[in-house]
């Protein structure tokens, strides 16, 4: 995904977007259930909360946005 991407109403559940550049990305209505957003660049709370199921996305502490952050799942 590149900066400025329009992902409105897109199913991004469980997507691996670690380190992705989300500059000006439009996530309105996108499903982020279980998405991996660790280290996502230029992602902010306004973008995040416009998506659905954002509370269950795995994300950095800076993107708490007023909701609990799920524990990082075990790897491997």
PDB file of N, CA and C in Angstrom:
ATOM      1  N   UNK A   1       0.849  -1.167   0.000  1.00  0.00           N
ATOM      2  CA  UNK A   1       0.000   0.000   0.000  1.00  0.00           C
ATOM      3  C   UNK A   1       0.894   1.228   0.000  1.00  0.00           C
ATOM      4  N   UNK A   2       0.535   2.207  -0.770  1.00  0.00           N
ATOM      5  CA  UNK A   2       1.336   3.422  -0.817  1.00  0.00           C
ATOM      6  C   UNK A   2       0.565   4.570  -0.197  1.00  0.00           C
ATOM      7  N   UNK A   3       1.257   5.620   0.153  1.00  0.00           N
ATOM      8  CA  UNK A   3       0.626   6.784   0.752  1.00  0.00           C
ATOM      9  C   UNK A   3      -0.464   7.336  -0.142  1.00  0.00           C
ATOM     10  N   UNK A   4      -1.561   7.802   0.472  1.00  0.00           N
ATOM     11  CA  UNK A   4      -2.669   8.374  -0.260  1.00  0.00           C
ATOM     12  C   UNK A   4      -3.647   7.346  -0.799  1.00  0.00           C
ATOM     13  N   UNK A   5      -3.433   6.078  -0.504  1.00  0.00           N
ATOM     14  CA  UNK A   5      -4.316   5.029  -1.002  1.00  0.00           C
ATOM     15  C   UNK A   5      -5.719   5.192  -0.429  1.00  0.00           C
ATOM     16  N   UNK A   6      -6.713   4.930  -1.255  1.00  0.00           N
ATOM     17  CA  UNK A   6      -8.113   4.974  -0.815  1.00  0.00           C
ATOM     18  C   UNK A   6      -8.572   3.543  -0.586  1.00  0.00           C
ATOM     19  N   UNK A   7      -8.779   3.216   0.677  1.00  0.00           N
ATOM     20  CA  UNK A   7      -9.171   1.856   1.060  1.00  0.00           C
ATOM     21  C   UNK A   7     -10.536   1.849   1.739  1.00  0.00           C
ATOM     22  N   UNK A   8     -11.409   2.747   1.330  1.00  0.00           N
ATOM     23  CA  UNK A   8     -12.741   2.841   1.923  1.00  0.00           C
ATOM     24  C   UNK A   8     -13.472   1.511   1.762  1.00  0.00           C
ATOM     25  N   UNK A   9     -14.066   1.040   2.849  1.00  0.00           N
ATOM     26  CA  UNK A   9     -14.881  -0.180   2.856  1.00  0.00           C
ATOM     27  C   UNK A   9     -14.129  -1.434   2.405  1.00  0.00           C
ATOM     28  N   UNK A  10     -12.813  -1.410   2.457  1.00  0.00           N
ATOM     29  CA  UNK A  10     -11.991  -2.552   2.062  1.00  0.00           C
ATOM     30  C   UNK A  10     -11.849  -3.526   3.219  1.00  0.00           C
ATOM     31  N   UNK A  11     -11.816  -4.816   2.923  1.00  0.00           N
ATOM     32  CA  UNK A  11     -11.592  -5.815   3.956  1.00  0.00           C
ATOM     33  C   UNK A  11     -10.081  -5.989   4.140  1.00  0.00           C
ATOM     34  N   UNK A  12      -9.566  -5.387   5.202  1.00  0.00           N
ATOM     35  CA  UNK A  12      -8.142  -5.504   5.534  1.00  0.00           C
ATOM     36  C   UNK A  12      -7.949  -6.346   6.791  1.00  0.00           C
ATOM     37  N   UNK A  13      -8.951  -7.162   7.114  1.00  0.00           N
ATOM     38  CA  UNK A  13      -8.841  -7.979   8.319  1.00  0.00           C
ATOM     39  C   UNK A  13      -7.647  -8.917   8.194  1.00  0.00           C
ATOM     40  N   UNK A  14      -6.875  -8.984   9.256  1.00  0.00           N
ATOM     41  CA  UNK A  14      -5.675  -9.812   9.361  1.00  0.00           C
ATOM     42  C   UNK A  14      -4.569  -9.420   8.376  1.00  0.00           C
ATOM     43  N   UNK A  15      -4.692  -8.259   7.737  1.00  0.00           N
ATOM     44  CA  UNK A  15      -3.661  -7.811   6.793  1.00  0.00           C
ATOM     45  C   UNK A  15      -2.359  -7.517   7.536  1.00  0.00           C
ATOM     46  N   UNK A  16      -1.247  -7.850   6.919  1.00  0.00           N
ATOM     47  CA  UNK A  16       0.078  -7.595   7.479  1.00  0.00           C
ATOM     48  C   UNK A  16       0.566  -6.271   6.911  1.00  0.00           C
ATOM     49  N   UNK A  17       0.385  -5.188   7.668  1.00  0.00           N
ATOM     50  CA  UNK A  17       0.742  -3.855   7.193  1.00  0.00           C
ATOM     51  C   UNK A  17       1.814  -3.214   8.059  1.00  0.00           C
ATOM     52  N   UNK A  18       2.652  -4.040   8.683  1.00  0.00           N
ATOM     53  CA  UNK A  18       3.723  -3.519   9.514  1.00  0.00           C
ATOM     54  C   UNK A  18       4.642  -2.626   8.694  1.00  0.00           C
ATOM     55  N   UNK A  19       4.896  -1.414   9.193  1.00  0.00           N
ATOM     56  CA  UNK A  19       5.810  -0.500   8.540  1.00  0.00           C
ATOM     57  C   UNK A  19       5.273   0.174   7.287  1.00  0.00           C
ATOM     58  N   UNK A  20       4.033  -0.069   6.947  1.00  0.00           N
ATOM     59  CA  UNK A  20       3.445   0.494   5.737  1.00  0.00           C
ATOM     60  C   UNK A  20       3.315   2.012   5.838  1.00  0.00           C
ATOM     61  N   UNK A  21       3.558   2.706   4.741  1.00  0.00           N
ATOM     62  CA  UNK A  21       3.384   4.146   4.670  1.00  0.00           C
ATOM     63  C   UNK A  21       1.896   4.426   4.431  1.00  0.00           C
ATOM     64  N   UNK A  22       1.228   4.972   5.439  1.00  0.00           N
ATOM     65  CA  UNK A  22      -0.196   5.261   5.338  1.00  0.00           C
ATOM     66  C   UNK A  22      -0.468   6.764   5.271  1.00  0.00           C
ATOM     67  N   UNK A  23       0.486   7.514   4.757  1.00  0.00           N
ATOM     68  CA  UNK A  23       0.344   8.957   4.619  1.00  0.00           C
ATOM     69  C   UNK A  23      -0.865   9.261   3.744  1.00  0.00           C
ATOM     70  N   UNK A  24      -1.804   9.999   4.317  1.00  0.00           N
ATOM     71  CA  UNK A  24      -3.046  10.406   3.640  1.00  0.00           C
ATOM     72  C   UNK A  24      -3.911   9.236   3.186  1.00  0.00           C
ATOM     73  N   UNK A  25      -3.681   8.032   3.712  1.00  0.00           N
ATOM     74  CA  UNK A  25      -4.529   6.895   3.354  1.00  0.00           C
ATOM     75  C   UNK A  25      -5.936   7.128   3.901  1.00  0.00           C
ATOM     76  N   UNK A  26      -6.924   6.753   3.125  1.00  0.00           N
ATOM     77  CA  UNK A  26      -8.322   6.892   3.534  1.00  0.00           C
ATOM     78  C   UNK A  26      -8.828   5.503   3.893  1.00  0.00           C
ATOM     79  N   UNK A  27      -9.120   5.304   5.179  1.00  0.00           N
ATOM     80  CA  UNK A  27      -9.530   3.993   5.685  1.00  0.00           C
ATOM     81  C   UNK A  27     -10.997   3.964   6.100  1.00  0.00           C
ATOM     82  N   UNK A  28     -11.776   4.953   5.713  1.00  0.00           N
ATOM     83  CA  UNK A  28     -13.175   5.057   6.137  1.00  0.00           C
ATOM     84  C   UNK A  28     -13.947   3.771   5.824  1.00  0.00           C
ATOM     85  N   UNK A  29     -14.459   3.142   6.867  1.00  0.00           N
ATOM     86  CA  UNK A  29     -15.270   1.947   6.712  1.00  0.00           C
ATOM     87  C   UNK A  29     -14.486   0.678   6.446  1.00  0.00           C
ATOM     88  N   UNK A  30     -13.163   0.756   6.315  1.00  0.00           N
ATOM     89  CA  UNK A  30     -12.357  -0.446   6.078  1.00  0.00           C
ATOM     90  C   UNK A  30     -12.424  -1.348   7.312  1.00  0.00           C
ATOM     91  N   UNK A  31     -12.389  -2.647   7.113  1.00  0.00           N
ATOM     92  CA  UNK A  31     -12.413  -3.602   8.215  1.00  0.00           C
ATOM     93  C   UNK A  31     -10.971  -3.922   8.615  1.00  0.00           C
ATOM     94  N   UNK A  32     -10.582  -3.488   9.825  1.00  0.00           N
ATOM     95  CA  UNK A  32      -9.219  -3.712  10.303  1.00  0.00           C
ATOM     96  C   UNK A  32      -9.146  -4.798  11.381  1.00  0.00           C
ATOM     97  N   UNK A  33     -10.142  -5.639  11.485  1.00  0.00           N
ATOM     98  CA  UNK A  33     -10.146  -6.681  12.516  1.00  0.00           C
ATOM     99  C   UNK A  33      -8.895  -7.546  12.411  1.00  0.00           C
ATOM    100  N   UNK A  34      -8.093  -7.549  13.458  1.00  0.00           N
ATOM    101  CA  UNK A  34      -6.904  -8.384  13.508  1.00  0.00           C
ATOM    102  C   UNK A  34      -5.779  -7.964  12.582  1.00  0.00           C
ATOM    103  N   UNK A  35      -5.862  -6.774  12.005  1.00  0.00           N
ATOM    104  CA  UNK A  35      -4.789  -6.286  11.121  1.00  0.00           C
ATOM    105  C   UNK A  35      -3.542  -5.979  11.947  1.00  0.00           C
ATOM    106  N   UNK A  36      -2.389  -6.129  11.348  1.00  0.00           N
ATOM    107  CA  UNK A  36      -1.111  -5.871  12.010  1.00  0.00           C
ATOM    108  C   UNK A  36      -0.588  -4.514  11.541  1.00  0.00           C
ATOM    109  N   UNK A  37      -0.611  -3.538  12.442  1.00  0.00           N
ATOM    110  CA  UNK A  37      -0.247  -2.171  12.099  1.00  0.00           C
ATOM    111  C   UNK A  37       1.014  -1.696  12.817  1.00  0.00           C
ATOM    112  N   UNK A  38       1.770  -2.611  13.404  1.00  0.00           N
ATOM    113  CA  UNK A  38       2.977  -2.211  14.119  1.00  0.00           C
ATOM    114  C   UNK A  38       3.911  -1.439  13.193  1.00  0.00           C
ATOM    115  N   UNK A  39       4.366  -0.286  13.657  1.00  0.00           N
ATOM    116  CA  UNK A  39       5.322   0.489  12.897  1.00  0.00           C
ATOM    117  C   UNK A  39       4.757   1.165  11.663  1.00  0.00           C
ATOM    118  N   UNK A  40       3.430   1.169  11.508  1.00  0.00           N
ATOM    119  CA  UNK A  40       2.832   1.847  10.347  1.00  0.00           C
ATOM    120  C   UNK A  40       3.244   3.317  10.378  1.00  0.00           C
ATOM    121  N   UNK A  41       3.630   3.836   9.247  1.00  0.00           N
ATOM    122  CA  UNK A  41       4.111   5.208   9.166  1.00  0.00           C
ATOM    123  C   UNK A  41       2.977   6.153   8.791  1.00  0.00           C
ATOM    124  N   UNK A  42       2.951   7.303   9.462  1.00  0.00           N
ATOM    125  CA  UNK A  42       1.999   8.372   9.174  1.00  0.00           C
ATOM    126  C   UNK A  42       0.540   7.991   9.417  1.00  0.00           C
ATOM    127  N   UNK A  43       0.297   6.974  10.223  1.00  0.00           N
ATOM    128  CA  UNK A  43      -1.070   6.609  10.601  1.00  0.00           C
ATOM    129  C   UNK A  43      -1.414   7.370  11.874  1.00  0.00           C
ATOM    130  N   UNK A  44      -2.605   7.956  11.915  1.00  0.00           N
ATOM    131  CA  UNK A  44      -3.013   8.697  13.102  1.00  0.00           C
ATOM    132  C   UNK A  44      -4.388   8.223  13.566  1.00  0.00           C
ATOM    133  N   UNK A  45      -4.782   8.671  14.747  1.00  0.00           N
ATOM    134  CA  UNK A  45      -6.044   8.220  15.329  1.00  0.00           C
ATOM    135  C   UNK A  45      -7.251   8.594  14.479  1.00  0.00           C
ATOM    136  N   UNK A  46      -7.231   9.751  13.846  1.00  0.00           N
ATOM    137  CA  UNK A  46      -8.366  10.154  13.008  1.00  0.00           C
ATOM    138  C   UNK A  46      -8.578   9.159  11.859  1.00  0.00           C
ATOM    139  N   UNK A  47      -7.486   8.730  11.250  1.00  0.00           N
ATOM    140  CA  UNK A  47      -7.588   7.732  10.176  1.00  0.00           C
ATOM    141  C   UNK A  47      -8.065   6.397  10.748  1.00  0.00           C
ATOM    142  N   UNK A  48      -7.474   6.008  11.857  1.00  0.00           N
ATOM    143  CA  UNK A  48      -7.749   4.699  12.432  1.00  0.00           C
ATOM    144  C   UNK A  48      -9.202   4.549  12.862  1.00  0.00           C
ATOM    145  N   UNK A  49      -9.723   5.512  13.595  1.00  0.00           N
ATOM    146  CA  UNK A  49     -11.084   5.363  14.136  1.00  0.00           C
ATOM    147  C   UNK A  49     -12.159   5.494  13.058  1.00  0.00           C
ATOM    148  N   UNK A  50     -11.799   5.929  11.866  1.00  0.00           N
ATOM    149  CA  UNK A  50     -12.765   5.976  10.762  1.00  0.00           C
ATOM    150  C   UNK A  50     -13.008   4.575  10.190  1.00  0.00           C
ATOM    151  N   UNK A  51     -12.142   3.635  10.547  1.00  0.00           N
ATOM    152  CA  UNK A  51     -12.274   2.254  10.075  1.00  0.00           C
ATOM    153  C   UNK A  51     -13.157   1.458  11.027  1.00  0.00           C
ATOM    154  N   UNK A  52     -13.646   0.320  10.561  1.00  0.00           N
ATOM    155  CA  UNK A  52     -14.407  -0.594  11.409  1.00  0.00           C
ATOM    156  C   UNK A  52     -13.451  -1.565  12.103  1.00  0.00           C
ATOM    157  N   UNK A  53     -13.829  -1.987  13.284  1.00  0.00           N
ATOM    158  CA  UNK A  53     -13.078  -2.994  14.049  1.00  0.00           C
ATOM    159  C   UNK A  53     -11.629  -2.611  14.322  1.00  0.00           C
ATOM    160  N   UNK A  54     -11.331  -1.324  14.304  1.00  0.00           N
ATOM    161  CA  UNK A  54      -9.966  -0.855  14.534  1.00  0.00           C
ATOM    162  C   UNK A  54      -9.462  -1.235  15.916  1.00  0.00           C
ATOM    163  N   UNK A  55     -10.377  -1.366  16.883  1.00  0.00           N
ATOM    164  CA  UNK A  55      -9.967  -1.688  18.260  1.00  0.00           C
ATOM    165  C   UNK A  55      -9.278  -3.046  18.346  1.00  0.00           C
ATOM    166  N   UNK A  56      -9.567  -3.949  17.421  1.00  0.00           N
ATOM    167  CA  UNK A  56      -8.950  -5.280  17.471  1.00  0.00           C
ATOM    168  C   UNK A  56      -7.690  -5.381  16.614  1.00  0.00           C
ATOM    169  N   UNK A  57      -7.282  -4.271  15.998  1.00  0.00           N
ATOM    170  CA  UNK A  57      -6.041  -4.276  15.210  1.00  0.00           C
ATOM    171  C   UNK A  57      -4.840  -4.254  16.154  1.00  0.00           C
ATOM    172  N   UNK A  58      -3.821  -4.985  15.803  1.00  0.00           N
ATOM    173  CA  UNK A  58      -2.573  -4.997  16.569  1.00  0.00           C
ATOM    174  C   UNK A  58      -1.785  -3.759  16.164  1.00  0.00           C
ATOM    175  N   UNK A  59      -1.500  -2.901  17.156  1.00  0.00           N
ATOM    176  CA  UNK A  59      -0.902  -1.610  16.832  1.00  0.00           C
ATOM    177  C   UNK A  59       0.005  -1.135  17.956  1.00  0.00           C
ATOM    178  N   UNK A  60       0.784  -0.120  17.673  1.00  0.00           N
ATOM    179  CA  UNK A  60       1.698   0.454  18.649  1.00  0.00           C
ATOM    180  C   UNK A  60       0.930   1.260  19.696  1.00  0.00           C
ATOM    181  N   UNK A  61       1.547   1.455  20.852  1.00  0.00           N
ATOM    182  CA  UNK A  61       0.923   2.188  21.955  1.00  0.00           C
ATOM    183  C   UNK A  61       0.505   3.599  21.557  1.00  0.00           C
ATOM    184  N   UNK A  62       1.233   4.225  20.651  1.00  0.00           N
ATOM    185  CA  UNK A  62       0.886   5.579  20.221  1.00  0.00           C
ATOM    186  C   UNK A  62      -0.457   5.627  19.499  1.00  0.00           C
ATOM    187  N   UNK A  63      -0.946   4.474  19.071  1.00  0.00           N
ATOM    188  CA  UNK A  63      -2.239   4.407  18.382  1.00  0.00           C
ATOM    189  C   UNK A  63      -3.303   3.765  19.256  1.00  0.00           C
ATOM    190  N   UNK A  64      -3.215   4.001  20.551  1.00  0.00           N
ATOM    191  CA  UNK A  64      -4.245   3.502  21.454  1.00  0.00           C
ATOM    192  C   UNK A  64      -5.593   4.126  21.131  1.00  0.00           C
ATOM    193  N   UNK A  65      -5.595   5.410  20.872  1.00  0.00           N
ATOM    194  CA  UNK A  65      -6.795   6.147  20.446  1.00  0.00           C
ATOM    195  C   UNK A  65      -7.987   5.922  21.368  1.00  0.00           C
ATOM    196  N   UNK A  66      -7.717   5.747  22.659  1.00  0.00           N
ATOM    197  CA  UNK A  66      -8.776   5.607  23.641  1.00  0.00           C
ATOM    198  C   UNK A  66      -9.311   4.196  23.816  1.00  0.00           C
ATOM    199  N   UNK A  67      -8.718   3.222  23.163  1.00  0.00           N
ATOM    200  CA  UNK A  67      -9.165   1.824  23.298  1.00  0.00           C
ATOM    201  C   UNK A  67      -7.980   0.959  23.706  1.00  0.00           C
ATOM    202  N   UNK A  68      -8.287  -0.144  24.377  1.00  0.00           N
ATOM    203  CA  UNK A  68      -7.251  -1.093  24.756  1.00  0.00           C
ATOM    204  C   UNK A  68      -6.597  -1.674  23.496  1.00  0.00           C
ATOM    205  N   UNK A  69      -5.314  -1.956  23.586  1.00  0.00           N
ATOM    206  CA  UNK A  69      -4.593  -2.554  22.465  1.00  0.00           C
ATOM    207  C   UNK A  69      -4.480  -4.052  22.734  1.00  0.00           C
ATOM    208  N   UNK A  70      -4.854  -4.886  21.762  1.00  0.00           N
ATOM    209  CA  UNK A  70      -4.747  -6.335  21.975  1.00  0.00           C
ATOM    210  C   UNK A  70      -3.302  -6.749  22.209  1.00  0.00           C
ATOM    211  N   UNK A  71      -3.120  -7.790  23.006  1.00  0.00           N
ATOM    212  CA  UNK A  71      -1.779  -8.330  23.220  1.00  0.00           C
ATOM    213  C   UNK A  71      -1.221  -8.809  21.898  1.00  0.00           C
ATOM    214  N   UNK A  72       0.070  -8.623  21.740  1.00  0.00           N
ATOM    215  CA  UNK A  72       0.737  -9.090  20.519  1.00  0.00           C
ATOM    216  C   UNK A  72       0.604 -10.606  20.456  1.00  0.00           C
ATOM    217  N   UNK A  73       0.155 -11.140  19.334  1.00  0.00           N
ATOM    218  CA  UNK A  73       0.004 -12.592  19.223  1.00  0.00           C
ATOM    219  C   UNK A  73       1.360 -13.287  19.199  1.00  0.00           C
ATOM    220  N   UNK A  74       1.410 -14.549  19.623  1.00  0.00           N
ATOM    221  CA  UNK A  74       2.680 -15.259  19.576  1.00  0.00           C
ATOM    222  C   UNK A  74       3.139 -15.451  18.127  1.00  0.00           C
ATOM    223  N   UNK A  75       4.442 -15.443  17.917  1.00  0.00           N
ATOM    224  CA  UNK A  75       4.973 -15.652  16.573  1.00  0.00           C
ATOM    225  C   UNK A  75       5.447 -17.085  16.418  1.00  0.00           C
ATOM    226  N   UNK A  76       5.373 -17.539  15.174  1.00  0.00           N
ATOM    227  CA  UNK A  76       5.884 -18.862  14.844  1.00  0.00           C
ATOM    228  C   UNK A  76       5.136 -19.899  15.487  1.00  0.00           C
TER     229      UNK A  76
END
